[in-house]
C-alpha atoms as a PDB file:
ATOM      1  CA  MET A   1     -34.659   7.217  -0.642  1.00  0.00           C
ATOM      2  CA  THR A   2     -35.488   3.807   0.797  1.00  0.00           C
ATOM      3  CA  VAL A   3     -32.649   2.705   3.043  1.00  0.00           C
ATOM      4  CA  ILE A   4     -31.682  -0.964   3.097  1.00  0.00           C
ATOM      5  CA  PRO A   5     -31.594  -2.006   6.762  1.00  0.00           C
ATOM      6  CA  VAL A   6     -28.251  -3.030   8.228  1.00  0.00           C
ATOM      7  CA  PRO A   7     -28.757  -6.096  10.458  1.00  0.00           C
ATOM      8  CA  GLY A   8     -28.207  -5.249  14.113  1.00  0.00           C
ATOM      9  CA  TYR A   9     -27.840  -1.491  13.554  1.00  0.00           C
ATOM     10  CA  GLN A  10     -30.299   1.346  13.550  1.00  0.00           C
ATOM     11  CA  TYR A  11     -30.879   4.074  11.025  1.00  0.00           C
ATOM     12  CA  ASP A  12     -33.518   6.717  11.660  1.00  0.00           C
ATOM     13  CA  GLN A  13     -34.661   7.603   8.156  1.00  0.00           C
ATOM     14  CA  LYS A  14     -36.650  10.598   9.339  1.00  0.00           C
ATOM     15  CA  LEU A  15     -33.682  12.144  11.167  1.00  0.00           C
ATOM     16  CA  GLU A  16     -31.112  10.678   8.779  1.00  0.00           C
ATOM     17  CA  THR A  17     -29.008   9.397  11.640  1.00  0.00           C
ATOM     18  CA  GLY A  18     -27.182   6.085  12.091  1.00  0.00           C
ATOM     19  CA  ILE A  19     -25.552   3.511   9.794  1.00  0.00           C
ATOM     20  CA  ARG A  20     -26.695   2.957   6.245  1.00  0.00           C
ATOM     21  CA  PRO A  21     -25.132   1.541   3.053  1.00  0.00           C
ATOM     22  CA  PHE A  22     -22.947   3.894   1.036  1.00  0.00           C
ATOM     23  CA  ASP A  23     -24.836   5.498  -1.869  1.00  0.00           C
ATOM     24  CA  ILE A  24     -22.496   6.557  -4.670  1.00  0.00           C
ATOM     25  CA  GLY A  25     -25.046   9.018  -6.012  1.00  0.00           C
ATOM     26  CA  ARG A  26     -25.260  11.107  -2.857  1.00  0.00           C
ATOM     27  CA  ASP A  27     -22.288  10.198  -0.639  1.00  0.00           C
ATOM     28  CA  LEU A  28     -19.219  10.211  -2.874  1.00  0.00           C
ATOM     29  CA  ARG A  29     -18.284  13.863  -2.411  1.00  0.00           C
ATOM     30  CA  ALA A  30     -18.909  13.807   1.332  1.00  0.00           C
ATOM     31  CA  VAL A  31     -16.826  10.655   1.750  1.00  0.00           C
ATOM     32  CA  ALA A  32     -13.989  12.152  -0.311  1.00  0.00           C
ATOM     33  CA  GLU A  33     -13.901  15.211   1.932  1.00  0.00           C
ATOM     34  CA  LEU A  34     -14.098  13.041   5.061  1.00  0.00           C
ATOM     35  CA  ILE A  35     -11.137  10.943   3.885  1.00  0.00           C
ATOM     36  CA  SER A  36      -9.108  14.053   3.059  1.00  0.00           C
ATOM     37  CA  VAL A  37      -9.538  15.260   6.652  1.00  0.00           C
ATOM     38  CA  ALA A  38      -9.206  11.910   8.422  1.00  0.00           C
ATOM     39  CA  PHE A  39      -6.061  10.838   6.535  1.00  0.00           C
ATOM     40  CA  ALA A  40      -4.464  14.243   5.935  1.00  0.00           C
ATOM     41  CA  SER A  41      -1.134  13.101   7.408  1.00  0.00           C
ATOM     42  CA  GLU A  42      -1.134   9.644   5.791  1.00  0.00           C
ATOM     43  CA  LEU A  43      -1.968  10.193   2.119  1.00  0.00           C
ATOM     44  CA  ASP A  44       0.940   9.408  -0.195  1.00  0.00           C
ATOM     45  CA  GLY A  45       1.071  10.199  -3.912  1.00  0.00           C
ATOM     46  CA  ARG A  46      -1.135   7.272  -4.824  1.00  0.00           C
ATOM     47  CA  GLY A  47      -3.672   8.099  -2.132  1.00  0.00           C
ATOM     48  CA  SER A  48      -3.820  11.748  -3.159  1.00  0.00           C
ATOM     49  CA  ALA A  49      -4.401  10.725  -6.767  1.00  0.00           C
ATOM     50  CA  ALA A  50      -7.231   8.409  -5.716  1.00  0.00           C
ATOM     51  CA  LEU A  51      -8.775  11.216  -3.667  1.00  0.00           C
ATOM     52  CA  ARG A  52      -8.655  13.577  -6.642  1.00  0.00           C
ATOM     53  CA  GLU A  53     -10.348  10.920  -8.752  1.00  0.00           C
ATOM     54  CA  MET A  54     -13.105  10.511  -6.167  1.00  0.00           C
ATOM     55  CA  ARG A  55     -13.694  14.263  -6.138  1.00  0.00           C
ATOM     56  CA  THR A  56     -13.868  14.336  -9.929  1.00  0.00           C
ATOM     57  CA  MET A  57     -16.299  11.410  -9.999  1.00  0.00           C
ATOM     58  CA  SER A  58     -18.481  13.112  -7.394  1.00  0.00           C
ATOM     59  CA  HIS A  59     -19.438  15.793  -9.942  1.00  0.00           C
ATOM     60  CA  PHE A  60     -21.284  13.022 -11.779  1.00  0.00           C
ATOM     61  CA  GLY A  61     -22.802  11.550  -8.629  1.00  0.00           C
ATOM     62  CA  GLY A  62     -26.381  11.506  -9.882  1.00  0.00           C
ATOM     63  CA  LEU A  63     -25.449   9.792 -13.108  1.00  0.00           C
ATOM     64  CA  LEU A  64     -23.240   7.290 -11.291  1.00  0.00           C
ATOM     65  CA  GLY A  65     -26.072   6.509  -8.905  1.00  0.00           C
ATOM     66  CA  VAL A  66     -28.471   5.769 -11.745  1.00  0.00           C
ATOM     67  CA  LEU A  67     -25.845   3.677 -13.525  1.00  0.00           C
ATOM     68  CA  ASN A  68     -25.034   1.710 -10.406  1.00  0.00           C
ATOM     69  CA  ARG A  69     -28.675   0.978  -9.629  1.00  0.00           C
ATOM     70  CA  SER A  70     -29.224  -0.349 -13.137  1.00  0.00           C
ATOM     71  CA  THR A  71     -25.961  -2.242 -13.639  1.00  0.00           C
ATOM     72  CA  GLY A  72     -24.292  -2.632 -10.241  1.00  0.00           C
ATOM     73  CA  GLU A  73     -21.105  -1.392 -11.935  1.00  0.00           C
ATOM     74  CA  PHE A  74     -19.564   0.064  -8.771  1.00  0.00           C
ATOM     75  CA  ASN A  75     -20.738  -2.458  -6.171  1.00  0.00           C
ATOM     76  CA  ASP A  76     -17.333  -4.082  -5.819  1.00  0.00           C
ATOM     77  CA  LEU A  77     -15.310  -0.890  -6.200  1.00  0.00           C
ATOM     78  CA  LEU A  78     -17.003   1.389  -3.703  1.00  0.00           C
ATOM     79  CA  HIS A  79     -19.273  -0.785  -1.585  1.00  0.00           C
ATOM     80  CA  GLY A  80     -19.377   0.140   2.061  1.00  0.00           C
ATOM     81  CA  TYR A  81     -21.270   1.941   4.796  1.00  0.00           C
ATOM     82  CA  VAL A  82     -21.541   5.464   6.147  1.00  0.00           C
ATOM     83  CA  TRP A  83     -22.437   6.838   9.545  1.00  0.00           C
ATOM     84  CA  VAL A  84     -24.788   9.794   9.266  1.00  0.00           C
ATOM     85  CA  GLU A  85     -25.622  12.412  11.893  1.00  0.00           C
ATOM     86  CA  GLN A  86     -28.559  14.700  11.057  1.00  0.00           C
ATOM     87  CA  GLY A  87     -28.012  14.128   7.352  1.00  0.00           C
ATOM     88  CA  HIS A  88     -24.246  14.702   7.427  1.00  0.00           C
ATOM     89  CA  VAL A  89     -21.785  11.887   6.661  1.00  0.00           C
ATOM     90  CA  ILE A  90     -19.366  11.766   9.585  1.00  0.00           C
ATOM     91  CA  GLY A  91     -18.101   8.193   9.267  1.00  0.00           C
ATOM     92  CA  ASN A  92     -17.230   5.807   6.446  1.00  0.00           C
ATOM     93  CA  ILE A  93     -15.943   2.310   5.769  1.00  0.00           C
ATOM     94  CA  THR A  94     -15.317   0.509   2.482  1.00  0.00           C
ATOM     95  CA  VAL A  95     -15.600  -3.277   2.200  1.00  0.00           C
ATOM     96  CA  GLN A  96     -14.951  -5.026  -1.094  1.00  0.00           C
ATOM     97  CA  ARG A  97     -13.897  -8.383  -2.490  1.00  0.00           C
ATOM     98  CA  ALA A  98     -10.123  -8.855  -2.518  1.00  0.00           C
ATOM     99  CA  ASP A  99     -10.198 -11.864  -4.843  1.00  0.00           C
ATOM    100  CA  LYS A 100     -12.467 -13.151  -7.570  1.00  0.00           C
ATOM    101  CA  TYR A 101     -13.774 -15.969  -5.377  1.00  0.00           C
ATOM    102  CA  ALA A 102     -14.929 -13.570  -2.619  1.00  0.00           C
ATOM    103  CA  THR A 103     -13.053 -15.576   0.009  1.00  0.00           C
ATOM    104  CA  ARG A 104     -11.020 -12.534   1.063  1.00  0.00           C
ATOM    105  CA  TRP A 105     -12.548  -9.132   1.712  1.00  0.00           C
ATOM    106  CA  GLN A 106     -10.639  -5.884   1.964  1.00  0.00           C
ATOM    107  CA  ILE A 107     -11.643  -3.265   4.519  1.00  0.00           C
ATOM    108  CA  ALA A 108     -10.427   0.282   3.857  1.00  0.00           C
ATOM    109  CA  ASN A 109     -11.158   3.988   4.346  1.00  0.00           C
ATOM    110  CA  VAL A 110     -12.184   3.604   7.983  1.00  0.00           C
ATOM    111  CA  ALA A 111     -12.720   7.278   8.737  1.00  0.00           C
ATOM    112  CA  VAL A 112     -14.567   9.309  11.365  1.00  0.00           C
ATOM    113  CA  ALA A 113     -14.757  13.106  11.436  1.00  0.00           C
ATOM    114  CA  PRO A 114     -12.549  14.576  14.207  1.00  0.00           C
ATOM    115  CA  GLY A 115     -15.431  15.978  16.250  1.00  0.00           C
ATOM    116  CA  PHE A 116     -17.119  12.573  16.511  1.00  0.00           C
ATOM    117  CA  ARG A 117     -14.190  10.383  17.494  1.00  0.00           C
ATOM    118  CA  GLY A 118     -14.079   8.469  20.757  1.00  0.00           C
ATOM    119  CA  ARG A 119     -17.746   7.452  20.552  1.00  0.00           C
ATOM    120  CA  GLY A 120     -17.244   3.908  19.250  1.00  0.00           C
ATOM    121  CA  ILE A 121     -18.289   4.778  15.693  1.00  0.00           C
ATOM    122  CA  SER A 122     -15.229   3.156  14.093  1.00  0.00           C
ATOM    123  CA  ARG A 123     -15.849  -0.069  16.015  1.00  0.00           C
ATOM    124  CA  ARG A 124     -19.460  -0.244  14.924  1.00  0.00           C
ATOM    125  CA  LEU A 125     -18.533   0.462  11.301  1.00  0.00           C
ATOM    126  CA  MET A 126     -15.908  -2.306  11.508  1.00  0.00           C
ATOM    127  CA  GLU A 127     -18.448  -4.725  12.955  1.00  0.00           C
ATOM    128  CA  VAL A 128     -20.837  -3.971  10.088  1.00  0.00           C
ATOM    129  CA  ALA A 129     -18.107  -4.515   7.507  1.00  0.00           C
ATOM    130  CA  ILE A 130     -16.982  -7.792   9.093  1.00  0.00           C
ATOM    131  CA  ASP A 131     -20.578  -8.975   9.261  1.00  0.00           C
ATOM    132  CA  HIS A 132     -21.082  -8.070   5.600  1.00  0.00           C
ATOM    133  CA  ALA A 133     -18.017 -10.060   4.530  1.00  0.00           C
ATOM    134  CA  THR A 134     -19.055 -13.018   6.662  1.00  0.00           C
ATOM    135  CA  ARG A 135     -22.622 -13.092   5.302  1.00  0.00           C
ATOM    136  CA  ALA A 136     -21.184 -12.914   1.770  1.00  0.00           C
ATOM    137  CA  GLY A 137     -19.291 -16.151   2.393  1.00  0.00           C
ATOM    138  CA  GLY A 138     -15.901 -14.560   3.039  1.00  0.00           C
ATOM    139  CA  LEU A 139     -13.255 -16.547   4.878  1.00  0.00           C
ATOM    140  CA  TRP A 140     -10.916 -13.668   5.709  1.00  0.00           C
ATOM    141  CA  ALA A 141     -11.015  -9.908   6.198  1.00  0.00           C
ATOM    142  CA  VAL A 142      -7.825  -7.978   5.445  1.00  0.00           C
ATOM    143  CA  LEU A 143      -6.798  -4.346   5.982  1.00  0.00           C
ATOM    144  CA  GLN A 144      -3.754  -2.112   6.165  1.00  0.00           C
ATOM    145  CA  VAL A 145      -2.821   0.330   8.914  1.00  0.00           C
ATOM    146  CA  TYR A 146       0.184   2.479   9.695  1.00  0.00           C
ATOM    147  CA  GLU A 147       2.159   1.187  12.661  1.00  0.00           C
ATOM    148  CA  GLY A 148       2.098   4.611  14.312  1.00  0.00           C
ATOM    149  CA  ASN A 149      -1.710   4.758  14.378  1.00  0.00           C
ATOM    150  CA  ALA A 150      -2.031   3.390  17.899  1.00  0.00           C
ATOM    151  CA  VAL A 151      -5.791   3.991  18.169  1.00  0.00           C
ATOM    152  CA  ALA A 152      -6.629   2.098  14.985  1.00  0.00           C
ATOM    153  CA  ARG A 153      -4.211  -0.714  15.805  1.00  0.00           C
ATOM    154  CA  GLY A 154      -5.779  -1.108  19.232  1.00  0.00           C
ATOM    155  CA  LEU A 155      -9.211  -1.378  17.635  1.00  0.00           C
ATOM    156  CA  TYR A 156      -8.099  -3.960  15.094  1.00  0.00           C
ATOM    157  CA  ASP A 157      -6.277  -5.994  17.748  1.00  0.00           C
ATOM    158  CA  SER A 158      -9.400  -6.071  19.877  1.00  0.00           C
ATOM    159  CA  LEU A 159     -11.400  -7.332  16.897  1.00  0.00           C
ATOM    160  CA  GLY A 160      -9.031 -10.253  16.377  1.00  0.00           C
ATOM    161  CA  PHE A 161      -6.855  -9.074  13.491  1.00  0.00           C
ATOM    162  CA  GLU A 162      -3.344 -10.546  13.245  1.00  0.00           C
ATOM    163  CA  LEU A 163      -0.185  -9.339  11.531  1.00  0.00           C
ATOM    164  CA  VAL A 164       0.607 -10.710   8.073  1.00  0.00           C
ATOM    165  CA  GLY A 165       3.535  -8.483   7.072  1.00  0.00           C
ATOM    166  CA  GLY A 166       4.533  -4.940   6.293  1.00  0.00           C
ATOM    167  CA  THR A 167       6.932  -2.502   4.673  1.00  0.00           C
ATOM    168  CA  MET A 168       8.961   0.337   6.155  1.00  0.00           C
ATOM    169  CA  ASP A 169       9.557   3.551   4.213  1.00  0.00           C
ATOM    170  CA  LEU A 170      13.026   5.024   4.785  1.00  0.00           C
ATOM    171  CA  TYR A 171      14.220   8.439   3.631  1.00  0.00           C
ATOM    172  CA  ALA A 172      17.390  10.509   3.616  1.00  0.00           C
ATOM    173  CA  PRO A 173      17.088  14.252   2.839  1.00  0.00           C
ATOM    174  CA  ARG A 174      20.453  14.050   1.026  1.00  0.00           C
ATOM    175  CA  ALA A 175      21.971  10.917  -0.475  1.00  0.00           C
ATOM    176  CA  PRO A 176      24.489   9.759   2.175  1.00  0.00           C
ATOM    177  CA  ARG A 177      28.151   9.761   1.248  1.00  0.00           C
ATOM    178  CA  ILE A 178      30.292   6.666   1.668  1.00  0.00           C
ATOM    179  CA  GLU A 179      33.979   7.169   2.430  1.00  0.00           C
ATOM    180  CA  GLN A 180      35.343   3.644   2.254  1.00  0.00           C
ATOM    181  CA  TYR A 181      34.142   1.257  -0.398  1.00  0.00           C
ATOM    182  CA  THR A 182      35.331  -2.161  -1.519  1.00  0.00           C
ATOM    183  CA  PRO A 183      33.264  -3.559  -4.412  1.00  0.00           C
ATOM    184  CA  HIS A 184      31.837  -7.023  -3.913  1.00  0.00           C
ATOM    185  CA  PRO A 185      33.304  -9.405  -6.514  1.00  0.00           C
ATOM    186  CA  LEU A 186      29.942 -11.021  -7.314  1.00  0.00           C
ATOM    187  CA  ILE A 187      28.050  -7.819  -8.143  1.00  0.00           C
ATOM    188  CA  LYS A 188      27.065  -7.813 -11.815  1.00  0.00           C
ATOM    189  CA  ARG A 189      24.970  -5.661 -14.075  1.00  0.00           C
ATOM    190  CA  PHE A 190      21.790  -7.229 -15.409  1.00  0.00           C
ATOM    191  CA  PRO A 191      19.562  -5.895 -18.202  1.00  0.00           C
ATOM    192  CA  ALA A 192      15.836  -5.219 -17.967  1.00  0.00           C
ATOM    193  CA  THR A 193      15.262  -8.273 -20.170  1.00  0.00           C
ATOM    194  CA  GLU A 194      16.562 -10.492 -17.360  1.00  0.00           C
ATOM    195  CA  TRP A 195      13.440  -9.765 -15.350  1.00  0.00           C
ATOM    196  CA  GLN A 196      12.553 -13.417 -14.726  1.00  0.00           C
ATOM    197  CA  SER A 197      15.558 -13.911 -12.436  1.00  0.00           C
ATOM    198  CA  LEU A 198      14.514 -10.839 -10.451  1.00  0.00           C
ATOM    199  CA  TYR A 199      10.900 -12.027 -10.307  1.00  0.00           C
ATOM    200  CA  GLU A 200      12.032 -15.400  -8.922  1.00  0.00           C
ATOM    201  CA  LEU A 201      14.202 -13.684  -6.295  1.00  0.00           C
ATOM    202  CA  VAL A 202      11.360 -11.449  -5.081  1.00  0.00           C
ATOM    203  CA  ASN A 203       8.985 -14.406  -4.909  1.00  0.00           C
ATOM    204  CA  HIS A 204      11.502 -16.288  -2.805  1.00  0.00           C
ATOM    205  CA  GLN A 205      12.163 -13.373  -0.457  1.00  0.00           C
ATOM    206  CA  LEU A 206       8.539 -12.534   0.236  1.00  0.00           C
ATOM    207  CA  GLY A 207       7.268 -16.119   0.420  1.00  0.00           C
ATOM    208  CA  ALA A 208       3.686 -17.262   0.782  1.00  0.00           C
ATOM    209  CA  GLN A 209       2.989 -15.416   4.052  1.00  0.00           C
ATOM    210  CA  SER A 210       3.963 -11.963   2.769  1.00  0.00           C
ATOM    211  CA  GLN A 211       2.089 -12.592  -0.480  1.00  0.00           C
ATOM    212  CA  TRP A 212      -0.983 -13.957   1.259  1.00  0.00           C
ATOM    213  CA  TRP A 213      -3.094 -10.975   0.257  1.00  0.00           C
ATOM    214  CA  ARG A 214      -1.349  -9.590  -2.812  1.00  0.00           C
ATOM    215  CA  ALA A 215       0.855 -11.892  -4.809  1.00  0.00           C
ATOM    216  CA  VAL A 216       3.881 -10.562  -6.670  1.00  0.00           C
ATOM    217  CA  LYS A 217       2.918  -9.928 -10.285  1.00  0.00           C
ATOM    218  CA  ARG A 218       5.137 -10.802 -13.204  1.00  0.00           C
ATOM    219  CA  SER A 219       4.058  -7.571 -14.870  1.00  0.00           C
ATOM    220  CA  ASP A 220       5.660  -5.574 -12.034  1.00  0.00           C
ATOM    221  CA  PHE A 221       9.081  -6.866 -13.089  1.00  0.00           C
ATOM    222  CA  GLN A 222       8.688  -7.261 -16.850  1.00  0.00           C
ATOM    223  CA  PRO A 223       9.253  -3.764 -18.268  1.00  0.00           C
ATOM    224  CA  ALA A 224       7.202  -3.067 -21.365  1.00  0.00           C
ATOM    225  CA  PHE A 225       9.001  -1.974 -24.501  1.00  0.00           C
ATOM    226  CA  GLU A 226       7.875   1.626 -24.064  1.00  0.00           C
ATOM    227  CA  GLU A 227       9.210   1.651 -20.479  1.00  0.00           C
ATOM    228  CA  ARG A 228      12.631   0.509 -21.671  1.00  0.00           C
ATOM    229  CA  VAL A 229      12.578   3.155 -24.403  1.00  0.00           C
ATOM    230  CA  GLY A 230      11.650   5.738 -21.761  1.00  0.00           C
ATOM    231  CA  GLU A 231      14.593   4.708 -19.583  1.00  0.00           C
ATOM    232  CA  TRP A 232      16.952   5.046 -22.553  1.00  0.00           C
ATOM    233  CA  PHE A 233      15.489   8.406 -23.588  1.00  0.00           C
ATOM    234  CA  TRP A 234      15.782   9.995 -20.148  1.00  0.00           C
ATOM    235  CA  HIS A 235      19.315   8.646 -19.789  1.00  0.00           C
ATOM    236  CA  VAL A 236      20.303  10.200 -23.121  1.00  0.00           C
ATOM    237  CA  MET A 237      18.591  13.449 -22.143  1.00  0.00           C
ATOM    238  CA  GLY A 238      20.499  13.452 -18.866  1.00  0.00           C
ATOM    239  CA  ARG A 239      17.487  13.442 -16.568  1.00  0.00           C
ATOM    240  CA  SER A 240      17.961  10.062 -14.886  1.00  0.00           C
ATOM    241  CA  THR A 241      19.723   6.727 -15.105  1.00  0.00           C
ATOM    242  CA  THR A 242      18.365   3.365 -13.987  1.00  0.00           C
ATOM    243  CA  PHE A 243      20.923   0.909 -12.627  1.00  0.00           C
ATOM    244  CA  ARG A 244      20.252  -2.807 -12.199  1.00  0.00           C
ATOM    245  CA  ARG A 245      22.707  -4.857 -10.194  1.00  0.00           C
ATOM    246  CA  ALA A 246      22.605  -8.373  -8.777  1.00  0.00           C
ATOM    247  CA  ILE A 247      24.798 -10.636  -6.685  1.00  0.00           C
ATOM    248  CA  GLN A 248      24.957 -13.951  -8.474  1.00  0.00           C
ATOM    249  CA  ASP A 249      27.095 -17.005  -7.763  1.00  0.00           C
ATOM    250  CA  SER A 250      24.789 -19.481  -9.525  1.00  0.00           C
ATOM    251  CA  PRO A 251      22.160 -19.234 -12.287  1.00  0.00           C
ATOM    252  CA  ARG A 252      19.842 -17.515  -9.805  1.00  0.00           C
ATOM    253  CA  PHE A 253      20.077 -14.073  -8.188  1.00  0.00           C
ATOM    254  CA  GLU A 254      21.013 -14.103  -4.492  1.00  0.00           C
ATOM    255  CA  ALA A 255      20.270 -10.383  -4.107  1.00  0.00           C
ATOM    256  CA  ALA A 256      19.461  -7.489  -6.412  1.00  0.00           C
ATOM    257  CA  LEU A 257      18.755  -3.773  -6.559  1.00  0.00           C
ATOM    258  CA  ILE A 258      17.262  -1.234  -8.925  1.00  0.00           C
ATOM    259  CA  LEU A 259      18.521   2.308  -8.438  1.00  0.00           C
ATOM    260  CA  ASP A 260      16.839   5.224 -10.174  1.00  0.00           C
ATOM    261  CA  ALA A 261      19.392   8.040  -9.958  1.00  0.00           C
ATOM    262  CA  ARG A 262      18.358  11.542 -11.013  1.00  0.00           C
ATOM    263  CA  ASN A 263      20.361  14.436 -12.396  1.00  0.00           C
ATOM    264  CA  TRP A 264      17.425  16.814 -12.459  1.00  0.00           C
ATOM    265  CA  GLN A 265      15.731  17.858  -9.264  1.00  0.00           C
ATOM    266  CA  GLY A 266      13.682  15.140  -7.639  1.00  0.00           C
ATOM    267  CA  GLU A 267      14.338  12.034  -5.532  1.00  0.00           C
ATOM    268  CA  HIS A 268      16.589   9.068  -6.046  1.00  0.00           C
ATOM    269  CA  THR A 269      14.806   5.756  -5.389  1.00  0.00           C
ATOM    270  CA  LEU A 270      16.294   2.442  -4.335  1.00  0.00           C
ATOM    271  CA  GLN A 271      14.678  -0.987  -4.450  1.00  0.00           C
ATOM    272  CA  LEU A 272      16.450  -3.871  -2.723  1.00  0.00           C
ATOM    273  CA  TRP A 273      15.740  -7.600  -2.546  1.00  0.00           C
ATOM    274  CA  VAL A 274      17.726 -10.343  -0.785  1.00  0.00           C
ATOM    275  CA  ARG A 275      16.994 -14.004  -0.179  1.00  0.00           C
ATOM    276  CA  PRO A 276      16.179 -14.425   3.537  1.00  0.00           C
ATOM    277  CA  GLU A 277      18.993 -16.945   4.007  1.00  0.00           C
ATOM    278  CA  HIS A 278      21.408 -14.183   2.922  1.00  0.00           C
ATOM    279  CA  TYR A 279      20.037 -11.403   5.143  1.00  0.00           C
ATOM    280  CA  GLY A 280      23.012  -9.631   6.692  1.00  0.00           C
ATOM    281  CA  LEU A 281      25.383 -11.036   4.083  1.00  0.00           C
ATOM    282  CA  TYR A 282      24.656  -9.175   0.843  1.00  0.00           C
ATOM    283  CA  ASP A 283      22.576  -6.201   2.068  1.00  0.00           C
ATOM    284  CA  ARG A 284      25.520  -3.967   2.901  1.00  0.00           C
ATOM    285  CA  ALA A 285      27.392  -4.737  -0.338  1.00  0.00           C
ATOM    286  CA  LEU A 286      24.478  -3.617  -2.515  1.00  0.00           C
ATOM    287  CA  ILE A 287      23.560  -0.603  -0.380  1.00  0.00           C
ATOM    288  CA  ASP A 288      27.186   0.540  -0.397  1.00  0.00           C
ATOM    289  CA  TRP A 289      27.335   0.106  -4.180  1.00  0.00           C
ATOM    290  CA  ALA A 290      24.221   2.271  -4.622  1.00  0.00           C
ATOM    291  CA  LEU A 291      25.461   5.016  -2.278  1.00  0.00           C
ATOM    292  CA  LYS A 292      28.870   5.022  -3.932  1.00  0.00           C
ATOM    293  CA  ARG A 293      27.256   5.274  -7.377  1.00  0.00           C
ATOM    294  CA  LEU A 294      25.105   8.189  -6.253  1.00  0.00           C
ATOM    295  CA  GLN A 295      28.221  10.226  -5.488  1.00  0.00           C
ATOM    296  CA  ASP A 296      28.340  10.890  -9.234  1.00  0.00           C
ATOM    297  CA  PHE A 297      24.899  12.509  -9.052  1.00  0.00           C
ATOM    298  CA  PRO A 298      23.454  15.542  -7.245  1.00  0.00           C
ATOM    299  CA  ARG A 299      22.740  14.866  -3.587  1.00  0.00           C
ATOM    300  CA  TRP A 300      19.003  14.847  -3.947  1.00  0.00           C
ATOM    301  CA  PRO A 301      16.911  13.024  -1.338  1.00  0.00           C
ATOM    302  CA  ILE A 302      16.714   9.239  -1.576  1.00  0.00           C
ATOM    303  CA  ARG A 303      13.809   6.988  -0.686  1.00  0.00           C
ATOM    304  CA  THR A 304      13.364   3.225  -0.286  1.00  0.00           C
ATOM    305  CA  SER A 305      10.873   0.704   1.136  1.00  0.00           C
ATOM    306  CA  ILE A 306      12.020  -2.478   2.874  1.00  0.00           C
ATOM    307  CA  ASN A 307      10.136  -5.567   4.047  1.00  0.00           C
ATOM    308  CA  ILE A 308       9.896  -5.326   7.857  1.00  0.00           C
ATOM    309  CA  GLU A 309      11.340  -8.837   8.217  1.00  0.00           C
ATOM    310  CA  HIS A 310      14.540  -7.625   6.546  1.00  0.00           C
ATOM    311  CA  SER A 311      15.824  -6.042   9.751  1.00  0.00           C
ATOM    312  CA  GLN A 312      19.497  -6.236   8.758  1.00  0.00           C
ATOM    313  CA  ALA A 313      18.942  -3.967   5.749  1.00  0.00           C
ATOM    314  CA  ILE A 314      16.784  -1.587   7.795  1.00  0.00           C
ATOM    315  CA  ASP A 315      19.445  -1.323  10.516  1.00  0.00           C
ATOM    316  CA  TYR A 316      22.241  -0.695   8.021  1.00  0.00           C
ATOM    317  CA  LEU A 317      20.257   1.942   6.149  1.00  0.00           C
ATOM    318  CA  LYS A 318      19.602   3.741   9.430  1.00  0.00           C
ATOM    319  CA  ARG A 319      23.305   3.618  10.297  1.00  0.00           C
ATOM    320  CA  SER A 320      24.043   5.018   6.837  1.00  0.00           C
ATOM    321  CA  GLY A 321      21.895   8.102   7.413  1.00  0.00           C
ATOM    322  CA  PHE A 322      18.347   7.030   6.516  1.00  0.00           C
ATOM    323  CA  GLU A 323      15.399   7.687   8.809  1.00  0.00           C
ATOM    324  CA  ALA A 324      12.313   5.516   9.140  1.00  0.00           C
ATOM    325  CA  GLN A 325       9.298   7.522   8.006  1.00  0.00           C
ATOM    326  CA  ARG A 326       6.414   5.115   8.488  1.00  0.00           C
ATOM    327  CA  THR A 327       5.592   1.427   8.435  1.00  0.00           C
ATOM    328  CA  LEU A 328       2.508   0.080   6.688  1.00  0.00           C
ATOM    329  CA  LEU A 329       1.224  -3.148   8.245  1.00  0.00           C
ATOM    330  CA  THR A 330      -1.088  -5.716   6.669  1.00  0.00           C
ATOM    331  CA  LEU A 331      -3.507  -7.402   9.098  1.00  0.00           C
ATOM    332  CA  ARG A 332      -6.050 -10.163   8.630  1.00  0.00           C
ATOM    333  CA  LYS A 333      -8.940 -11.714  10.567  1.00  0.00           C
ATOM    334  CA  ARG A 334     -10.320 -15.204  10.195  1.00  0.00           C
ATOM    335  CA  LEU A 335     -14.095 -15.039   9.559  1.00  0.00           C
ATOM    336  CA  THR A 336     -14.789 -18.771   9.688  1.00  0.00           C
ATOM    337  CA  GLU A 337     -13.097 -21.852  11.051  1.00  0.00           C
ATOM    338  CA  ASP A 338     -12.924 -23.181   7.486  1.00  0.00           C
ATOM    339  CA  ALA A 339     -10.370 -20.507   6.535  1.00  0.00           C
ATOM    340  CA  GLU A 340      -6.844 -21.731   5.861  1.00  0.00           C
END
């Protein structure tokens, strides 16, 4: 195989050692296994599903390689670089366009095999990815990292990445009980068809900064007909019930929640949104309503994710019996002075 040179970095083709571009035809399986080891403690359900898909695709590596060379079909999806030692992939980084204009580039899957860490491999892979995005005309590089990953955060800080926002996952092994409860007079039920009011509320809460990389999508809040039928069916069958409640003292929502409460074994899930100007005012009322409602259901675990800027809700959830599991941060780096 002829290796495309990476500017500023060496690759010994004879020894198969150094940095070279990722080759879907030969590297996909090795990268999947590397990611499974490097992120064993971080993979959530979505990440595990993506890893399984990579492993499945790797069985067709040769075909995918031929297809990619002829059509470039996977250039955006899986473009990146690998670090090879004596023919073995021990490091990986993915860099791909994050918008259709190629002004923002996403960096992901920064992984180094345990036995090769501490040698500066991650830094050199990051430098290659940043250089690639810059040469492609990118204005920004963006990535996500768990707050508890001190080594990775130190690397990204040293490379000039800044915080954009983040979400904290909170979890209670049993739905907390609430002894005293006074319902808020402005809490009202709203149907799934009233999704536009919820969409407007979420847009207002997150604002431009939090949505800098990934904007809120209307489709995330507009349930399809089959989804609404599914909710009704599972409610009738007794498996789960979805509750939608909002605090409303004008045509707009001031705060809202969606509670998925389960009768069959599983996890309850809570989603909460509040306008920033009402942080600390309506958080407790909605959380208390959800916990009170769950007393009619089995005390399965309950999970929620809260914007890190919503500290009042996070503090109250912790006081109510939730524990912070992990916080996923979004970071960005300016690649050119023209970036805004």
